[in-house]
Amino acid sequence: MFRPKLPDAPPVPTTVTTQQHVQAPAVPSAGRPVAPYVGLGVGAVAAVVVVGVVLTALLAAVAVTAVSVAIAAVVLRSLVNDANRR
């Protein structure tokens, strides 16, 4: 009653045909040299890496500052509570 009816397995093909695609070799255009574009790509990658390093350093500085402020708040709260008890 509660058993699902499974579909029949599809028949396995007996012949396998493979098609090979042959691409024509790319012909570089004689009008534009490739070297300036490669240099531009390297510069862009270097800029992204530098920006990533700077942002990571800023994030680390913010984290260290947050930890030090939290510690200072705990110490000040302890001093204030200790002074109020006396």
N, C-alpha and C. Protein backbone atom coordinates (compact mmCIF):
# COMPACT_ATOMS: atom_id res chain seq x y z
N MET A 1 0.81 -1.19 0.00
CA MET A 1 0.00 0.00 0.00
C MET A 1 0.86 1.26 0.00
N PHE A 2 1.87 1.28 0.87
CA PHE A 2 2.71 2.48 0.96
C PHE A 2 4.01 2.34 0.19
N ARG A 3 4.14 1.31 -0.61
CA ARG A 3 5.39 1.13 -1.37
C ARG A 3 5.30 1.91 -2.69
N PRO A 4 6.28 2.76 -2.97
CA PRO A 4 6.22 3.51 -4.22
C PRO A 4 6.56 2.60 -5.40
N LYS A 5 5.97 2.92 -6.51
CA LYS A 5 6.26 2.16 -7.73
C LYS A 5 7.42 2.86 -8.43
N LEU A 6 8.51 2.13 -8.58
CA LEU A 6 9.70 2.68 -9.21
C LEU A 6 9.58 2.58 -10.72
N PRO A 7 10.08 3.58 -11.43
CA PRO A 7 10.02 3.50 -12.89
C PRO A 7 11.00 2.45 -13.41
N ASP A 8 10.70 1.94 -14.58
CA ASP A 8 11.59 0.96 -15.20
C ASP A 8 12.89 1.64 -15.62
N ALA A 9 13.98 0.89 -15.57
CA ALA A 9 15.28 1.44 -15.96
C ALA A 9 15.29 1.67 -17.47
N PRO A 10 15.86 2.82 -17.89
CA PRO A 10 15.91 3.06 -19.35
C PRO A 10 16.87 2.06 -20.00
N PRO A 11 16.61 1.71 -21.25
CA PRO A 11 17.50 0.75 -21.92
C PRO A 11 18.88 1.38 -22.16
N VAL A 12 19.89 0.56 -22.02
CA VAL A 12 21.27 1.02 -22.22
C VAL A 12 21.57 1.00 -23.72
N PRO A 13 22.09 2.11 -24.26
CA PRO A 13 22.39 2.12 -25.70
C PRO A 13 23.55 1.17 -25.99
N THR A 14 23.44 0.46 -27.07
CA THR A 14 24.46 -0.51 -27.42
C THR A 14 25.58 0.10 -28.26
N THR A 15 25.29 1.13 -29.00
CA THR A 15 26.32 1.76 -29.82
C THR A 15 26.56 3.17 -29.30
N VAL A 16 27.80 3.50 -29.21
CA VAL A 16 28.19 4.83 -28.74
C VAL A 16 28.90 5.53 -29.88
N THR A 17 28.39 6.67 -30.25
CA THR A 17 29.03 7.45 -31.30
C THR A 17 29.69 8.66 -30.67
N THR A 18 30.91 8.90 -31.02
CA THR A 18 31.62 10.07 -30.52
C THR A 18 31.89 11.01 -31.67
N GLN A 19 31.71 12.25 -31.42
CA GLN A 19 31.99 13.26 -32.43
C GLN A 19 33.18 14.07 -31.98
N GLN A 20 34.07 14.28 -32.88
CA GLN A 20 35.24 15.07 -32.57
C GLN A 20 35.09 16.43 -33.23
N HIS A 21 35.31 17.45 -32.42
CA HIS A 21 35.21 18.81 -32.92
C HIS A 21 36.62 19.32 -33.17
N VAL A 22 36.82 19.83 -34.34
CA VAL A 22 38.12 20.38 -34.70
C VAL A 22 37.97 21.89 -34.80
N GLN A 23 38.78 22.59 -34.01
CA GLN A 23 38.72 24.04 -34.05
C GLN A 23 39.86 24.56 -34.92
N ALA A 24 39.54 25.59 -35.63
CA ALA A 24 40.57 26.23 -36.44
C ALA A 24 41.52 26.98 -35.52
N PRO A 25 42.81 26.98 -35.82
CA PRO A 25 43.75 27.70 -34.96
C PRO A 25 43.45 29.21 -34.99
N ALA A 26 43.60 29.82 -33.84
CA ALA A 26 43.32 31.25 -33.75
C ALA A 26 44.42 32.02 -34.45
N VAL A 27 44.01 32.94 -35.27
CA VAL A 27 44.97 33.76 -36.00
C VAL A 27 45.06 35.11 -35.29
N PRO A 28 46.23 35.45 -34.76
CA PRO A 28 46.33 36.75 -34.10
C PRO A 28 46.20 37.87 -35.12
N SER A 29 45.51 38.92 -34.70
CA SER A 29 45.34 40.04 -35.62
C SER A 29 46.64 40.83 -35.69
N ALA A 30 46.99 41.22 -36.87
CA ALA A 30 48.26 41.92 -37.07
C ALA A 30 48.18 43.37 -36.62
N GLY A 31 46.96 43.91 -36.45
CA GLY A 31 46.82 45.32 -36.13
C GLY A 31 47.05 45.64 -34.66
N ARG A 32 46.80 44.70 -33.76
CA ARG A 32 46.91 44.99 -32.33
C ARG A 32 47.94 44.09 -31.67
N PRO A 33 48.91 44.66 -30.99
CA PRO A 33 49.84 43.82 -30.23
C PRO A 33 49.18 43.39 -28.92
N VAL A 34 49.54 42.22 -28.45
CA VAL A 34 48.94 41.65 -27.25
C VAL A 34 49.65 42.13 -25.99
N ALA A 35 50.89 42.51 -26.07
CA ALA A 35 51.71 42.84 -24.89
C ALA A 35 51.11 43.93 -24.01
N PRO A 36 50.57 45.04 -24.53
CA PRO A 36 50.02 46.05 -23.60
C PRO A 36 48.84 45.53 -22.78
N TYR A 37 48.03 44.64 -23.37
CA TYR A 37 46.89 44.12 -22.64
C TYR A 37 47.32 43.17 -21.53
N VAL A 38 48.38 42.42 -21.78
CA VAL A 38 48.90 41.52 -20.75
C VAL A 38 49.45 42.33 -19.60
N GLY A 39 50.16 43.41 -19.90
CA GLY A 39 50.70 44.28 -18.86
C GLY A 39 49.59 44.94 -18.05
N LEU A 40 48.50 45.29 -18.72
CA LEU A 40 47.36 45.88 -18.02
C LEU A 40 46.74 44.88 -17.07
N GLY A 41 46.65 43.62 -17.47
CA GLY A 41 46.10 42.57 -16.62
C GLY A 41 46.96 42.34 -15.39
N VAL A 42 48.28 42.36 -15.55
CA VAL A 42 49.19 42.16 -14.42
C VAL A 42 49.07 43.33 -13.46
N GLY A 43 48.94 44.53 -13.99
CA GLY A 43 48.78 45.71 -13.13
C GLY A 43 47.48 45.66 -12.35
N ALA A 44 46.42 45.20 -12.99
CA ALA A 44 45.13 45.10 -12.31
C ALA A 44 45.18 44.05 -11.20
N VAL A 45 45.84 42.94 -11.47
CA VAL A 45 45.97 41.89 -10.44
C VAL A 45 46.79 42.41 -9.27
N ALA A 46 47.86 43.13 -9.56
CA ALA A 46 48.69 43.69 -8.49
C ALA A 46 47.89 44.70 -7.67
N ALA A 47 47.07 45.51 -8.33
CA ALA A 47 46.27 46.50 -7.61
C ALA A 47 45.25 45.81 -6.70
N VAL A 48 44.63 44.75 -7.19
CA VAL A 48 43.66 44.01 -6.38
C VAL A 48 44.34 43.37 -5.17
N VAL A 49 45.52 42.83 -5.37
CA VAL A 49 46.26 42.23 -4.25
C VAL A 49 46.63 43.28 -3.22
N VAL A 50 47.10 44.43 -3.67
CA VAL A 50 47.49 45.50 -2.74
C VAL A 50 46.27 45.99 -1.97
N VAL A 51 45.16 46.20 -2.65
CA VAL A 51 43.94 46.65 -1.97
C VAL A 51 43.49 45.59 -0.96
N GLY A 52 43.59 44.33 -1.31
CA GLY A 52 43.22 43.26 -0.38
C GLY A 52 44.10 43.25 0.86
N VAL A 53 45.39 43.45 0.67
CA VAL A 53 46.30 43.47 1.81
C VAL A 53 46.00 44.67 2.71
N VAL A 54 45.75 45.82 2.12
CA VAL A 54 45.45 47.02 2.91
C VAL A 54 44.15 46.84 3.69
N LEU A 55 43.13 46.32 3.03
CA LEU A 55 41.86 46.11 3.73
C LEU A 55 41.98 45.08 4.84
N THR A 56 42.78 44.06 4.63
CA THR A 56 43.00 43.05 5.67
C THR A 56 43.73 43.66 6.86
N ALA A 57 44.71 44.52 6.59
CA ALA A 57 45.43 45.17 7.67
C ALA A 57 44.52 46.11 8.45
N LEU A 58 43.65 46.82 7.75
CA LEU A 58 42.70 47.70 8.44
C LEU A 58 41.72 46.89 9.29
N LEU A 59 41.26 45.77 8.79
CA LEU A 59 40.36 44.92 9.55
C LEU A 59 41.04 44.38 10.80
N ALA A 60 42.29 44.00 10.67
CA ALA A 60 43.04 43.52 11.84
C ALA A 60 43.22 44.65 12.86
N ALA A 61 43.49 45.86 12.39
CA ALA A 61 43.65 46.99 13.30
C ALA A 61 42.34 47.30 14.03
N VAL A 62 41.23 47.22 13.33
CA VAL A 62 39.93 47.46 13.97
C VAL A 62 39.64 46.38 15.00
N ALA A 63 39.99 45.14 14.70
CA ALA A 63 39.76 44.05 15.64
C ALA A 63 40.60 44.23 16.90
N VAL A 64 41.86 44.59 16.74
CA VAL A 64 42.72 44.81 17.90
C VAL A 64 42.21 45.98 18.73
N THR A 65 41.77 47.04 18.07
CA THR A 65 41.24 48.19 18.79
C THR A 65 39.97 47.81 19.55
N ALA A 66 39.11 47.02 18.95
CA ALA A 66 37.88 46.60 19.62
C ALA A 66 38.19 45.76 20.86
N VAL A 67 39.16 44.88 20.75
CA VAL A 67 39.53 44.05 21.91
C VAL A 67 40.11 44.92 23.01
N SER A 68 40.95 45.87 22.67
CA SER A 68 41.55 46.71 23.70
C SER A 68 40.51 47.62 24.35
N VAL A 69 39.55 48.11 23.58
CA VAL A 69 38.49 48.94 24.16
C VAL A 69 37.62 48.09 25.09
N ALA A 70 37.35 46.85 24.71
CA ALA A 70 36.56 45.97 25.57
C ALA A 70 37.28 45.69 26.88
N ILE A 71 38.57 45.46 26.82
CA ILE A 71 39.35 45.22 28.04
C ILE A 71 39.37 46.47 28.91
N ALA A 72 39.55 47.63 28.29
CA ALA A 72 39.54 48.88 29.06
C ALA A 72 38.19 49.10 29.71
N ALA A 73 37.10 48.77 29.02
CA ALA A 73 35.76 48.94 29.61
C ALA A 73 35.57 48.02 30.81
N VAL A 74 36.06 46.79 30.72
CA VAL A 74 35.94 45.87 31.84
C VAL A 74 36.75 46.36 33.04
N VAL A 75 37.94 46.86 32.79
CA VAL A 75 38.78 47.38 33.88
C VAL A 75 38.14 48.61 34.51
N LEU A 76 37.64 49.53 33.69
CA LEU A 76 37.00 50.73 34.24
C LEU A 76 35.74 50.38 35.03
N ARG A 77 34.95 49.42 34.54
CA ARG A 77 33.76 49.01 35.26
C ARG A 77 34.13 48.40 36.61
N SER A 78 35.20 47.63 36.62
CA SER A 78 35.65 47.04 37.87
C SER A 78 36.10 48.12 38.85
N LEU A 79 36.80 49.13 38.34
CA LEU A 79 37.26 50.21 39.22
C LEU A 79 36.09 51.03 39.76
N VAL A 80 35.11 51.30 38.91
CA VAL A 80 33.96 52.09 39.33
C VAL A 80 33.12 51.31 40.37
N ASN A 81 32.92 50.01 40.12
CA ASN A 81 32.16 49.21 41.06
C ASN A 81 32.90 49.08 42.39
N ASP A 82 34.20 48.96 42.33
CA ASP A 82 34.98 48.86 43.55
C ASP A 82 34.93 50.17 44.33
N ALA A 83 34.93 51.31 43.64
CA ALA A 83 34.88 52.61 44.31
C ALA A 83 33.50 52.84 44.91
N ASN A 84 32.43 52.36 44.27
CA ASN A 84 31.08 52.56 44.80
C ASN A 84 30.82 51.70 46.04
N ARG A 85 31.51 50.60 46.19
CA ARG A 85 31.31 49.73 47.34
C ARG A 85 31.91 50.32 48.60
N ARG A 86 32.91 51.14 48.49
CA ARG A 86 33.58 51.70 49.67
C ARG A 86 32.86 52.86 50.24
